[in-house]
Amino acid sequence: MIENIEVTGVKYKVEETFRKYAMKRIGKLDKFLPKKHKKDVVAKIVVTQINRPHGNKYEISAAIDVPGGKVIAAKDEASNTFAGIDIIEAKLMGQIRRFKTEKTNYDKKGFLKNLLKR
């Protein structure tokens, strides 16, 4: 699990149940990170309440700072904070998978050697 997660609110008081839920959902994303990047990962989640004439909405943004200067970020608006975290988790998972494939060195596995032999 990602150990260093900050959950803050702007015009929104973050409840303990939401904090635990967000830490559980975002914390498990470390299994998709490359092994060498798992140690020093920092995640920040910001929930902003937006007052609209037809009802309140919540803007949830999350940023994961990966060692090496890479920031993986996602942002979404939802009428429910818990549903917003689920959407953010899915977006971050896709970006982490993309990041992992960029960082994987296929030459070590012999991928390029086998490809050039054909």
PDB file of N, CA and C in Angstrom:
ATOM      1  N   MET A   1       0.826  -1.188   0.000  1.00  0.00           N
ATOM      2  CA  MET A   1       0.000   0.000   0.000  1.00  0.00           C
ATOM      3  C   MET A   1       0.865   1.243   0.000  1.00  0.00           C
ATOM      4  N   ILE A   2       0.370   2.262  -0.632  1.00  0.00           N
ATOM      5  CA  ILE A   2       1.044   3.552  -0.585  1.00  0.00           C
ATOM      6  C   ILE A   2       0.860   4.085   0.827  1.00  0.00           C
ATOM      7  N   GLU A   3       1.967   4.308   1.511  1.00  0.00           N
ATOM      8  CA  GLU A   3       1.901   4.701   2.916  1.00  0.00           C
ATOM      9  C   GLU A   3       1.669   6.198   3.102  1.00  0.00           C
ATOM     10  N   ASN A   4       2.194   7.009   2.212  1.00  0.00           N
ATOM     11  CA  ASN A   4       2.154   8.459   2.385  1.00  0.00           C
ATOM     12  C   ASN A   4       1.035   9.053   1.524  1.00  0.00           C
ATOM     13  N   ILE A   5      -0.178   9.155   2.101  1.00  0.00           N
ATOM     14  CA  ILE A   5      -1.333   9.692   1.388  1.00  0.00           C
ATOM     15  C   ILE A   5      -1.897  10.853   2.195  1.00  0.00           C
ATOM     16  N   GLU A   6      -2.051  12.007   1.530  1.00  0.00           N
ATOM     17  CA  GLU A   6      -2.661  13.193   2.137  1.00  0.00           C
ATOM     18  C   GLU A   6      -4.052  13.378   1.556  1.00  0.00           C
ATOM     19  N   VAL A   7      -5.050  13.510   2.434  1.00  0.00           N
ATOM     20  CA  VAL A   7      -6.415  13.772   1.989  1.00  0.00           C
ATOM     21  C   VAL A   7      -6.831  15.108   2.598  1.00  0.00           C
ATOM     22  N   THR A   8      -7.113  16.099   1.738  1.00  0.00           N
ATOM     23  CA  THR A   8      -7.501  17.425   2.222  1.00  0.00           C
ATOM     24  C   THR A   8      -8.787  17.866   1.532  1.00  0.00           C
ATOM     25  N   GLY A   9      -9.437  18.842   2.139  1.00  0.00           N
ATOM     26  CA  GLY A   9     -10.668  19.368   1.575  1.00  0.00           C
ATOM     27  C   GLY A   9     -10.627  20.877   1.460  1.00  0.00           C
ATOM     28  N   VAL A  10     -11.218  21.412   0.397  1.00  0.00           N
ATOM     29  CA  VAL A  10     -11.364  22.847   0.190  1.00  0.00           C
ATOM     30  C   VAL A  10     -12.865  23.123   0.198  1.00  0.00           C
ATOM     31  N   LYS A  11     -13.318  23.913   1.151  1.00  0.00           N
ATOM     32  CA  LYS A  11     -14.745  24.162   1.369  1.00  0.00           C
ATOM     33  C   LYS A  11     -15.488  22.860   1.664  1.00  0.00           C
ATOM     34  N   TYR A  12     -14.772  21.876   2.193  1.00  0.00           N
ATOM     35  CA  TYR A  12     -15.341  20.567   2.489  1.00  0.00           C
ATOM     36  C   TYR A  12     -14.601  19.978   3.678  1.00  0.00           C
ATOM     37  N   LYS A  13     -15.336  19.541   4.674  1.00  0.00           N
ATOM     38  CA  LYS A  13     -14.738  18.898   5.836  1.00  0.00           C
ATOM     39  C   LYS A  13     -14.621  17.404   5.543  1.00  0.00           C
ATOM     40  N   VAL A  14     -13.408  16.913   5.506  1.00  0.00           N
ATOM     41  CA  VAL A  14     -13.155  15.513   5.183  1.00  0.00           C
ATOM     42  C   VAL A  14     -13.481  14.657   6.407  1.00  0.00           C
ATOM     43  N   GLU A  15     -14.419  13.750   6.236  1.00  0.00           N
ATOM     44  CA  GLU A  15     -14.811  12.855   7.318  1.00  0.00           C
ATOM     45  C   GLU A  15     -13.862  11.659   7.374  1.00  0.00           C
ATOM     46  N   GLU A  16     -13.822  11.027   8.526  1.00  0.00           N
ATOM     47  CA  GLU A  16     -12.911   9.897   8.725  1.00  0.00           C
ATOM     48  C   GLU A  16     -13.281   8.707   7.840  1.00  0.00           C
ATOM     49  N   THR A  17     -14.562   8.478   7.601  1.00  0.00           N
ATOM     50  CA  THR A  17     -14.967   7.356   6.746  1.00  0.00           C
ATOM     51  C   THR A  17     -14.496   7.567   5.308  1.00  0.00           C
ATOM     52  N   PHE A  18     -14.609   8.810   4.829  1.00  0.00           N
ATOM     53  CA  PHE A  18     -14.128   9.101   3.471  1.00  0.00           C
ATOM     54  C   PHE A  18     -12.607   8.983   3.402  1.00  0.00           C
ATOM     55  N   ARG A  19     -11.923   9.464   4.447  1.00  0.00           N
ATOM     56  CA  ARG A  19     -10.456   9.386   4.474  1.00  0.00           C
ATOM     57  C   ARG A  19      -9.996   7.925   4.402  1.00  0.00           C
ATOM     58  N   LYS A  20     -10.622   7.059   5.173  1.00  0.00           N
ATOM     59  CA  LYS A  20     -10.253   5.637   5.157  1.00  0.00           C
ATOM     60  C   LYS A  20     -10.543   5.003   3.805  1.00  0.00           C
ATOM     61  N   TYR A  21     -11.699   5.340   3.231  1.00  0.00           N
ATOM     62  CA  TYR A  21     -12.075   4.782   1.934  1.00  0.00           C
ATOM     63  C   TYR A  21     -11.098   5.225   0.845  1.00  0.00           C
ATOM     64  N   ALA A  22     -10.756   6.503   0.854  1.00  0.00           N
ATOM     65  CA  ALA A  22      -9.825   7.023  -0.154  1.00  0.00           C
ATOM     66  C   ALA A  22      -8.444   6.392   0.010  1.00  0.00           C
ATOM     67  N   MET A  23      -7.997   6.239   1.249  1.00  0.00           N
ATOM     68  CA  MET A  23      -6.683   5.641   1.476  1.00  0.00           C
ATOM     69  C   MET A  23      -6.664   4.180   1.047  1.00  0.00           C
ATOM     70  N   LYS A  24      -7.763   3.490   1.239  1.00  0.00           N
ATOM     71  CA  LYS A  24      -7.857   2.089   0.835  1.00  0.00           C
ATOM     72  C   LYS A  24      -7.831   1.961  -0.686  1.00  0.00           C
ATOM     73  N   ARG A  25      -8.626   2.781  -1.383  1.00  0.00           N
ATOM     74  CA  ARG A  25      -8.743   2.673  -2.838  1.00  0.00           C
ATOM     75  C   ARG A  25      -7.479   3.153  -3.563  1.00  0.00           C
ATOM     76  N   ILE A  26      -6.941   4.291  -3.142  1.00  0.00           N
ATOM     77  CA  ILE A  26      -5.758   4.840  -3.801  1.00  0.00           C
ATOM     78  C   ILE A  26      -4.494   4.116  -3.329  1.00  0.00           C
ATOM     79  N   GLY A  27      -4.499   3.665  -2.087  1.00  0.00           N
ATOM     80  CA  GLY A  27      -3.334   2.977  -1.530  1.00  0.00           C
ATOM     81  C   GLY A  27      -2.993   1.680  -2.220  1.00  0.00           C
ATOM     82  N   LYS A  28      -4.001   1.005  -2.757  1.00  0.00           N
ATOM     83  CA  LYS A  28      -3.725  -0.278  -3.393  1.00  0.00           C
ATOM     84  C   LYS A  28      -3.175  -0.150  -4.816  1.00  0.00           C
ATOM     85  N   LEU A  29      -3.058   1.065  -5.316  1.00  0.00           N
ATOM     86  CA  LEU A  29      -2.522   1.258  -6.664  1.00  0.00           C
ATOM     87  C   LEU A  29      -1.022   1.000  -6.752  1.00  0.00           C
ATOM     88  N   ASP A  30      -0.346   0.867  -5.620  1.00  0.00           N
ATOM     89  CA  ASP A  30       1.097   0.651  -5.663  1.00  0.00           C
ATOM     90  C   ASP A  30       1.460  -0.694  -6.276  1.00  0.00           C
ATOM     91  N   LYS A  31       0.532  -1.643  -6.300  1.00  0.00           N
ATOM     92  CA  LYS A  31       0.853  -2.932  -6.906  1.00  0.00           C
ATOM     93  C   LYS A  31       1.010  -2.836  -8.421  1.00  0.00           C
ATOM     94  N   PHE A  32       0.560  -1.745  -9.008  1.00  0.00           N
ATOM     95  CA  PHE A  32       0.721  -1.542 -10.445  1.00  0.00           C
ATOM     96  C   PHE A  32       2.002  -0.771 -10.787  1.00  0.00           C
ATOM     97  N   LEU A  33       2.667  -0.206  -9.780  1.00  0.00           N
ATOM     98  CA  LEU A  33       3.900   0.545 -10.010  1.00  0.00           C
ATOM     99  C   LEU A  33       5.086  -0.409 -10.160  1.00  0.00           C
ATOM    100  N   PRO A  34       6.124   0.001 -10.896  1.00  0.00           N
ATOM    101  CA  PRO A  34       7.339  -0.811 -10.946  1.00  0.00           C
ATOM    102  C   PRO A  34       7.949  -0.940  -9.554  1.00  0.00           C
ATOM    103  N   LYS A  35       8.608  -2.041  -9.287  1.00  0.00           N
ATOM    104  CA  LYS A  35       9.126  -2.332  -7.943  1.00  0.00           C
ATOM    105  C   LYS A  35      10.070  -1.254  -7.423  1.00  0.00           C
ATOM    106  N   LYS A  36      10.908  -0.726  -8.280  1.00  0.00           N
ATOM    107  CA  LYS A  36      11.887   0.263  -7.811  1.00  0.00           C
ATOM    108  C   LYS A  36      11.236   1.605  -7.451  1.00  0.00           C
ATOM    109  N   HIS A  37       9.990   1.839  -7.877  1.00  0.00           N
ATOM    110  CA  HIS A  37       9.319   3.111  -7.597  1.00  0.00           C
ATOM    111  C   HIS A  37       8.357   3.036  -6.413  1.00  0.00           C
ATOM    112  N   LYS A  38       8.189   1.878  -5.797  1.00  0.00           N
ATOM    113  CA  LYS A  38       7.187   1.710  -4.750  1.00  0.00           C
ATOM    114  C   LYS A  38       7.552   2.378  -3.435  1.00  0.00           C
ATOM    115  N   LYS A  39       8.812   2.510  -3.121  1.00  0.00           N
ATOM    116  CA  LYS A  39       9.231   2.988  -1.799  1.00  0.00           C
ATOM    117  C   LYS A  39       8.809   4.418  -1.492  1.00  0.00           C
ATOM    118  N   ASP A  40       9.126   5.343  -2.351  1.00  0.00           N
ATOM    119  CA  ASP A  40       9.002   6.768  -2.052  1.00  0.00           C
ATOM    120  C   ASP A  40       7.826   7.440  -2.755  1.00  0.00           C
ATOM    121  N   VAL A  41       6.760   6.719  -2.972  1.00  0.00           N
ATOM    122  CA  VAL A  41       5.590   7.277  -3.651  1.00  0.00           C
ATOM    123  C   VAL A  41       4.787   8.115  -2.661  1.00  0.00           C
ATOM    124  N   VAL A  42       4.355   9.301  -3.117  1.00  0.00           N
ATOM    125  CA  VAL A  42       3.533  10.195  -2.304  1.00  0.00           C
ATOM    126  C   VAL A  42       2.251  10.492  -3.077  1.00  0.00           C
ATOM    127  N   ALA A  43       1.098  10.337  -2.413  1.00  0.00           N
ATOM    128  CA  ALA A  43      -0.192  10.601  -3.060  1.00  0.00           C
ATOM    129  C   ALA A  43      -0.894  11.739  -2.334  1.00  0.00           C
ATOM    130  N   LYS A  44      -1.513  12.623  -3.112  1.00  0.00           N
ATOM    131  CA  LYS A  44      -2.274  13.748  -2.559  1.00  0.00           C
ATOM    132  C   LYS A  44      -3.662  13.753  -3.179  1.00  0.00           C
ATOM    133  N   ILE A  45      -4.671  13.814  -2.311  1.00  0.00           N
ATOM    134  CA  ILE A  45      -6.058  13.847  -2.764  1.00  0.00           C
ATOM    135  C   ILE A  45      -6.689  15.126  -2.238  1.00  0.00           C
ATOM    136  N   VAL A  46      -7.313  15.900  -3.131  1.00  0.00           N
ATOM    137  CA  VAL A  46      -7.962  17.149  -2.743  1.00  0.00           C
ATOM    138  C   VAL A  46      -9.428  17.081  -3.172  1.00  0.00           C
ATOM    139  N   VAL A  47     -10.324  17.330  -2.218  1.00  0.00           N
ATOM    140  CA  VAL A  47     -11.760  17.343  -2.482  1.00  0.00           C
ATOM    141  C   VAL A  47     -12.237  18.776  -2.340  1.00  0.00           C
ATOM    142  N   THR A  48     -12.866  19.311  -3.384  1.00  0.00           N
ATOM    143  CA  THR A  48     -13.386  20.669  -3.376  1.00  0.00           C
ATOM    144  C   THR A  48     -14.893  20.620  -3.573  1.00  0.00           C
ATOM    145  N   GLN A  49     -15.616  21.285  -2.681  1.00  0.00           N
ATOM    146  CA  GLN A  49     -17.068  21.342  -2.818  1.00  0.00           C
ATOM    147  C   GLN A  49     -17.429  22.520  -3.707  1.00  0.00           C
ATOM    148  N   ILE A  50     -18.240  22.247  -4.727  1.00  0.00           N
ATOM    149  CA  ILE A  50     -18.672  23.272  -5.673  1.00  0.00           C
ATOM    150  C   ILE A  50     -20.166  23.462  -5.486  1.00  0.00           C
ATOM    151  N   ASN A  51     -20.574  24.641  -5.104  1.00  0.00           N
ATOM    152  CA  ASN A  51     -21.999  24.927  -4.930  1.00  0.00           C
ATOM    153  C   ASN A  51     -22.611  25.313  -6.271  1.00  0.00           C
ATOM    154  N   ARG A  52     -23.563  24.545  -6.704  1.00  0.00           N
ATOM    155  CA  ARG A  52     -24.262  24.792  -7.952  1.00  0.00           C
ATOM    156  C   ARG A  52     -25.722  25.114  -7.637  1.00  0.00           C
ATOM    157  N   PRO A  53     -26.409  25.836  -8.516  1.00  0.00           N
ATOM    158  CA  PRO A  53     -27.822  26.155  -8.264  1.00  0.00           C
ATOM    159  C   PRO A  53     -28.710  24.912  -8.158  1.00  0.00           C
ATOM    160  N   HIS A  54     -28.381  23.860  -8.885  1.00  0.00           N
ATOM    161  CA  HIS A  54     -29.206  22.664  -8.882  1.00  0.00           C
ATOM    162  C   HIS A  54     -28.694  21.590  -7.924  1.00  0.00           C
ATOM    163  N   GLY A  55     -27.684  21.876  -7.128  1.00  0.00           N
ATOM    164  CA  GLY A  55     -27.168  20.916  -6.146  1.00  0.00           C
ATOM    165  C   GLY A  55     -25.654  20.988  -6.047  1.00  0.00           C
ATOM    166  N   ASN A  56     -25.136  20.485  -4.970  1.00  0.00           N
ATOM    167  CA  ASN A  56     -23.696  20.499  -4.755  1.00  0.00           C
ATOM    168  C   ASN A  56     -23.015  19.382  -5.542  1.00  0.00           C
ATOM    169  N   LYS A  57     -21.823  19.697  -5.986  1.00  0.00           N
ATOM    170  CA  LYS A  57     -20.966  18.710  -6.634  1.00  0.00           C
ATOM    171  C   LYS A  57     -19.616  18.756  -5.954  1.00  0.00           C
ATOM    172  N   TYR A  58     -18.845  17.723  -6.160  1.00  0.00           N
ATOM    173  CA  TYR A  58     -17.520  17.638  -5.568  1.00  0.00           C
ATOM    174  C   TYR A  58     -16.500  17.395  -6.676  1.00  0.00           C
ATOM    175  N   GLU A  59     -15.461  18.217  -6.661  1.00  0.00           N
ATOM    176  CA  GLU A  59     -14.368  18.037  -7.604  1.00  0.00           C
ATOM    177  C   GLU A  59     -13.249  17.339  -6.849  1.00  0.00           C
ATOM    178  N   ILE A  60     -12.878  16.178  -7.320  1.00  0.00           N
ATOM    179  CA  ILE A  60     -11.852  15.384  -6.662  1.00  0.00           C
ATOM    180  C   ILE A  60     -10.656  15.295  -7.585  1.00  0.00           C
ATOM    181  N   SER A  61      -9.510  15.676  -7.065  1.00  0.00           N
ATOM    182  CA  SER A  61      -8.281  15.565  -7.844  1.00  0.00           C
ATOM    183  C   SER A  61      -7.260  14.791  -7.026  1.00  0.00           C
ATOM    184  N   ALA A  62      -6.506  13.958  -7.714  1.00  0.00           N
ATOM    185  CA  ALA A  62      -5.494  13.139  -7.068  1.00  0.00           C
ATOM    186  C   ALA A  62      -4.208  13.222  -7.873  1.00  0.00           C
ATOM    187  N   ALA A  63      -3.098  13.270  -7.167  1.00  0.00           N
ATOM    188  CA  ALA A  63      -1.789  13.301  -7.806  1.00  0.00           C
ATOM    189  C   ALA A  63      -0.875  12.323  -7.082  1.00  0.00           C
ATOM    190  N   ILE A  64      -0.185  11.507  -7.846  1.00  0.00           N
ATOM    191  CA  ILE A  64       0.769  10.560  -7.290  1.00  0.00           C
ATOM    192  C   ILE A  64       2.149  10.986  -7.769  1.00  0.00           C
ATOM    193  N   ASP A  65       3.011  11.336  -6.824  1.00  0.00           N
ATOM    194  CA  ASP A  65       4.385  11.728  -7.142  1.00  0.00           C
ATOM    195  C   ASP A  65       5.261  10.489  -7.115  1.00  0.00           C
ATOM    196  N   VAL A  66       5.770  10.115  -8.281  1.00  0.00           N
ATOM    197  CA  VAL A  66       6.629   8.949  -8.412  1.00  0.00           C
ATOM    198  C   VAL A  66       8.076   9.440  -8.423  1.00  0.00           C
ATOM    199  N   PRO A  67       8.981   8.765  -7.732  1.00  0.00           N
ATOM    200  CA  PRO A  67      10.384   9.188  -7.754  1.00  0.00           C
ATOM    201  C   PRO A  67      10.909   9.302  -9.182  1.00  0.00           C
ATOM    202  N   GLY A  68      11.697  10.297  -9.418  1.00  0.00           N
ATOM    203  CA  GLY A  68      12.218  10.550 -10.750  1.00  0.00           C
ATOM    204  C   GLY A  68      11.546  11.740 -11.402  1.00  0.00           C
ATOM    205  N   GLY A  69      10.691  12.442 -10.667  1.00  0.00           N
ATOM    206  CA  GLY A  69      10.077  13.650 -11.182  1.00  0.00           C
ATOM    207  C   GLY A  69       8.777  13.448 -11.938  1.00  0.00           C
ATOM    208  N   LYS A  70       8.239  12.251 -11.974  1.00  0.00           N
ATOM    209  CA  LYS A  70       6.998  11.980 -12.697  1.00  0.00           C
ATOM    210  C   LYS A  70       5.804  12.175 -11.759  1.00  0.00           C
ATOM    211  N   VAL A  71       4.779  12.873 -12.244  1.00  0.00           N
ATOM    212  CA  VAL A  71       3.542  13.063 -11.497  1.00  0.00           C
ATOM    213  C   VAL A  71       2.404  12.471 -12.313  1.00  0.00           C
ATOM    214  N   ILE A  72       1.665  11.572 -11.690  1.00  0.00           N
ATOM    215  CA  ILE A  72       0.509  10.956 -12.333  1.00  0.00           C
ATOM    216  C   ILE A  72      -0.717  11.576 -11.678  1.00  0.00           C
ATOM    217  N   ALA A  73      -1.572  12.232 -12.472  1.00  0.00           N
ATOM    218  CA  ALA A  73      -2.681  12.983 -11.896  1.00  0.00           C
ATOM    219  C   ALA A  73      -3.992  12.669 -12.605  1.00  0.00           C
ATOM    220  N   ALA A  74      -5.088  12.825 -11.852  1.00  0.00           N
ATOM    221  CA  ALA A  74      -6.429  12.644 -12.403  1.00  0.00           C
ATOM    222  C   ALA A  74      -7.377  13.580 -11.673  1.00  0.00           C
ATOM    223  N   LYS A  75      -8.451  13.971 -12.370  1.00  0.00           N
ATOM    224  CA  LYS A  75      -9.412  14.926 -11.817  1.00  0.00           C
ATOM    225  C   LYS A  75     -10.794  14.560 -12.331  1.00  0.00           C
ATOM    226  N   ASP A  76     -11.807  14.698 -11.439  1.00  0.00           N
ATOM    227  CA  ASP A  76     -13.154  14.367 -11.851  1.00  0.00           C
ATOM    228  C   ASP A  76     -14.159  15.106 -10.980  1.00  0.00           C
ATOM    229  N   GLU A  77     -15.362  15.328 -11.510  1.00  0.00           N
ATOM    230  CA  GLU A  77     -16.474  15.917 -10.761  1.00  0.00           C
ATOM    231  C   GLU A  77     -17.530  14.846 -10.568  1.00  0.00           C
ATOM    232  N   ALA A  78     -18.078  14.785  -9.339  1.00  0.00           N
ATOM    233  CA  ALA A  78     -19.130  13.821  -9.049  1.00  0.00           C
ATOM    234  C   ALA A  78     -20.067  14.392  -8.001  1.00  0.00           C
ATOM    235  N   SER A  79     -21.265  13.852  -7.942  1.00  0.00           N
ATOM    236  CA  SER A  79     -22.217  14.307  -6.936  1.00  0.00           C
ATOM    237  C   SER A  79     -22.004  13.599  -5.608  1.00  0.00           C
ATOM    238  N   ASN A  80     -21.210  12.544  -5.608  1.00  0.00           N
ATOM    239  CA  ASN A  80     -20.909  11.782  -4.414  1.00  0.00           C
ATOM    240  C   ASN A  80     -19.392  11.617  -4.319  1.00  0.00           C
ATOM    241  N   THR A  81     -18.810  11.891  -3.166  1.00  0.00           N
ATOM    242  CA  THR A  81     -17.354  11.817  -3.026  1.00  0.00           C
ATOM    243  C   THR A  81     -16.839  10.397  -3.167  1.00  0.00           C
ATOM    244  N   PHE A  82     -17.585   9.423  -2.670  1.00  0.00           N
ATOM    245  CA  PHE A  82     -17.147   8.029  -2.748  1.00  0.00           C
ATOM    246  C   PHE A  82     -17.137   7.535  -4.198  1.00  0.00           C
ATOM    247  N   ALA A  83     -18.136   7.921  -4.971  1.00  0.00           N
ATOM    248  CA  ALA A  83     -18.166   7.555  -6.387  1.00  0.00           C
ATOM    249  C   ALA A  83     -17.032   8.246  -7.137  1.00  0.00           C
ATOM    250  N   GLY A  84     -16.725   9.475  -6.744  1.00  0.00           N
ATOM    251  CA  GLY A  84     -15.624  10.204  -7.374  1.00  0.00           C
ATOM    252  C   GLY A  84     -14.286   9.519  -7.162  1.00  0.00           C
ATOM    253  N   ILE A  85     -14.066   8.966  -5.968  1.00  0.00           N
ATOM    254  CA  ILE A  85     -12.809   8.256  -5.695  1.00  0.00           C
ATOM    255  C   ILE A  85     -12.707   7.006  -6.569  1.00  0.00           C
ATOM    256  N   ASP A  86     -13.815   6.319  -6.782  1.00  0.00           N
ATOM    257  CA  ASP A  86     -13.801   5.137  -7.646  1.00  0.00           C
ATOM    258  C   ASP A  86     -13.409   5.502  -9.077  1.00  0.00           C
ATOM    259  N   ILE A  87     -13.933   6.611  -9.569  1.00  0.00           N
ATOM    260  CA  ILE A  87     -13.611   7.067 -10.928  1.00  0.00           C
ATOM    261  C   ILE A  87     -12.139   7.472 -11.013  1.00  0.00           C
ATOM    262  N   ILE A  88     -11.670   8.196 -10.003  1.00  0.00           N
ATOM    263  CA  ILE A  88     -10.263   8.624  -9.962  1.00  0.00           C
ATOM    264  C   ILE A  88      -9.338   7.410  -9.936  1.00  0.00           C
ATOM    265  N   GLU A  89      -9.718   6.395  -9.168  1.00  0.00           N
ATOM    266  CA  GLU A  89      -8.894   5.182  -9.081  1.00  0.00           C
ATOM    267  C   GLU A  89      -8.735   4.530 -10.447  1.00  0.00           C
ATOM    268  N   ALA A  90      -9.819   4.436 -11.202  1.00  0.00           N
ATOM    269  CA  ALA A  90      -9.765   3.832 -12.532  1.00  0.00           C
ATOM    270  C   ALA A  90      -8.879   4.647 -13.477  1.00  0.00           C
ATOM    271  N   LYS A  91      -9.000   5.967 -13.415  1.00  0.00           N
ATOM    272  CA  LYS A  91      -8.174   6.828 -14.271  1.00  0.00           C
ATOM    273  C   LYS A  91      -6.698   6.687 -13.920  1.00  0.00           C
ATOM    274  N   LEU A  92      -6.388   6.692 -12.622  1.00  0.00           N
ATOM    275  CA  LEU A  92      -4.994   6.568 -12.192  1.00  0.00           C
ATOM    276  C   LEU A  92      -4.416   5.208 -12.562  1.00  0.00           C
ATOM    277  N   MET A  93      -5.225   4.164 -12.474  1.00  0.00           N
ATOM    278  CA  MET A  93      -4.747   2.828 -12.800  1.00  0.00           C
ATOM    279  C   MET A  93      -4.294   2.754 -14.256  1.00  0.00           C
ATOM    280  N   GLY A  94      -5.063   3.340 -15.154  1.00  0.00           N
ATOM    281  CA  GLY A  94      -4.681   3.349 -16.561  1.00  0.00           C
ATOM    282  C   GLY A  94      -3.401   4.129 -16.804  1.00  0.00           C
ATOM    283  N   GLN A  95      -3.264   5.262 -16.131  1.00  0.00           N
ATOM    284  CA  GLN A  95      -2.055   6.067 -16.303  1.00  0.00           C
ATOM    285  C   GLN A  95      -0.832   5.370 -15.717  1.00  0.00           C
ATOM    286  N   ILE A  96      -1.012   4.658 -14.604  1.00  0.00           N
ATOM    287  CA  ILE A  96       0.114   3.938 -14.003  1.00  0.00           C
ATOM    288  C   ILE A  96       0.543   2.793 -14.905  1.00  0.00           C
ATOM    289  N   ARG A  97      -0.406   2.107 -15.500  1.00  0.00           N
ATOM    290  CA  ARG A  97      -0.053   1.023 -16.427  1.00  0.00           C
ATOM    291  C   ARG A  97       0.720   1.562 -17.626  1.00  0.00           C
ATOM    292  N   ARG A  98       0.294   2.713 -18.132  1.00  0.00           N
ATOM    293  CA  ARG A  98       1.012   3.337 -19.235  1.00  0.00           C
ATOM    294  C   ARG A  98       2.428   3.730 -18.808  1.00  0.00           C
ATOM    295  N   PHE A  99       2.550   4.285 -17.608  1.00  0.00           N
ATOM    296  CA  PHE A  99       3.853   4.676 -17.065  1.00  0.00           C
ATOM    297  C   PHE A  99       4.752   3.456 -16.913  1.00  0.00           C
ATOM    298  N   LYS A 100       4.180   2.356 -16.458  1.00  0.00           N
ATOM    299  CA  LYS A 100       4.960   1.145 -16.236  1.00  0.00           C
ATOM    300  C   LYS A 100       5.484   0.581 -17.548  1.00  0.00           C
ATOM    301  N   THR A 101       4.677   0.612 -18.603  1.00  0.00           N
ATOM    302  CA  THR A 101       5.150   0.088 -19.877  1.00  0.00           C
ATOM    303  C   THR A 101       6.212   0.994 -20.493  1.00  0.00           C
ATOM    304  N   GLU A 102       6.150   2.296 -20.225  1.00  0.00           N
ATOM    305  CA  GLU A 102       7.189   3.199 -20.710  1.00  0.00           C
ATOM    306  C   GLU A 102       8.512   2.938 -20.016  1.00  0.00           C
ATOM    307  N   LYS A 103       8.465   2.613 -18.723  1.00  0.00           N
ATOM    308  CA  LYS A 103       9.669   2.431 -17.928  1.00  0.00           C
ATOM    309  C   LYS A 103      10.269   1.039 -18.022  1.00  0.00           C
ATOM    310  N   THR A 104       9.526   0.061 -18.519  1.00  0.00           N
ATOM    311  CA  THR A 104      10.030  -1.304 -18.590  1.00  0.00           C
ATOM    312  C   THR A 104      11.091  -1.390 -19.672  1.00  0.00           C
ATOM    313  N   ASN A 105      12.198  -1.975 -19.314  1.00  0.00           N
ATOM    314  CA  ASN A 105      13.291  -2.142 -20.257  1.00  0.00           C
ATOM    315  C   ASN A 105      13.149  -3.524 -20.899  1.00  0.00           C
ATOM    316  N   TYR A 106      12.645  -3.562 -22.108  1.00  0.00           N
ATOM    317  CA  TYR A 106      12.398  -4.831 -22.767  1.00  0.00           C
ATOM    318  C   TYR A 106      13.687  -5.496 -23.225  1.00  0.00           C
ATOM    319  N   ASP A 107      14.762  -4.758 -23.347  1.00  0.00           N
ATOM    320  CA  ASP A 107      16.012  -5.333 -23.795  1.00  0.00           C
ATOM    321  C   ASP A 107      16.537  -6.361 -22.802  1.00  0.00           C
ATOM    322  N   LYS A 108      16.293  -6.150 -21.515  1.00  0.00           N
ATOM    323  CA  LYS A 108      16.752  -7.099 -20.501  1.00  0.00           C
ATOM    324  C   LYS A 108      16.066  -8.444 -20.658  1.00  0.00           C
ATOM    325  N   LYS A 109      14.851  -8.446 -21.105  1.00  0.00           N
ATOM    326  CA  LYS A 109      14.101  -9.688 -21.240  1.00  0.00           C
ATOM    327  C   LYS A 109      14.369 -10.381 -22.579  1.00  0.00           C
ATOM    328  N   GLY A 110      15.165  -9.769 -23.411  1.00  0.00           N
ATOM    329  CA  GLY A 110      15.472 -10.365 -24.697  1.00  0.00           C
ATOM    330  C   GLY A 110      14.422 -10.093 -25.748  1.00  0.00           C
ATOM    331  N   PHE A 111      13.536  -9.165 -25.473  1.00  0.00           N
ATOM    332  CA  PHE A 111      12.460  -8.866 -26.417  1.00  0.00           C
ATOM    333  C   PHE A 111      13.017  -8.361 -27.737  1.00  0.00           C
ATOM    334  N   LEU A 112      13.939  -7.399 -27.664  1.00  0.00           N
ATOM    335  CA  LEU A 112      14.496  -6.841 -28.894  1.00  0.00           C
ATOM    336  C   LEU A 112      15.342  -7.864 -29.645  1.00  0.00           C
ATOM    337  N   LYS A 113      16.066  -8.693 -28.915  1.00  0.00           N
ATOM    338  CA  LYS A 113      16.901  -9.704 -29.563  1.00  0.00           C
ATOM    339  C   LYS A 113      16.040 -10.687 -30.336  1.00  0.00           C
ATOM    340  N   ASN A 114      14.955 -11.125 -29.737  1.00  0.00           N
ATOM    341  CA  ASN A 114      14.055 -12.057 -30.417  1.00  0.00           C
ATOM    342  C   ASN A 114      13.358 -11.387 -31.584  1.00  0.00           C
ATOM    343  N   LEU A 115      13.041 -10.120 -31.457  1.00  0.00           N
ATOM    344  CA  LEU A 115      12.369  -9.407 -32.519  1.00  0.00           C
ATOM    345  C   LEU A 115      13.296  -9.224 -33.725  1.00  0.00           C
ATOM    346  N   LEU A 116      14.589  -8.954 -33.473  1.00  0.00           N
ATOM    347  CA  LEU A 116      15.538  -8.735 -34.555  1.00  0.00           C
ATOM    348  C   LEU A 116      15.919 -10.038 -35.274  1.00  0.00           C
ATOM    349  N   LYS A 117      15.798 -11.174 -34.609  1.00  0.00           N
ATOM    350  CA  LYS A 117      16.125 -12.458 -35.226  1.00  0.00           C
ATOM    351  C   LYS A 117      15.150 -12.840 -36.316  1.00  0.00           C
ATOM    352  N   ARG A 118      13.920 -12.340 -36.230  1.00  0.00           N
ATOM    353  CA  ARG A 118      12.881 -12.724 -37.194  1.00  0.00           C
ATOM    354  C   ARG A 118      13.121 -12.165 -38.509  1.00  0.00           C
TER     355      ARG A 118
END
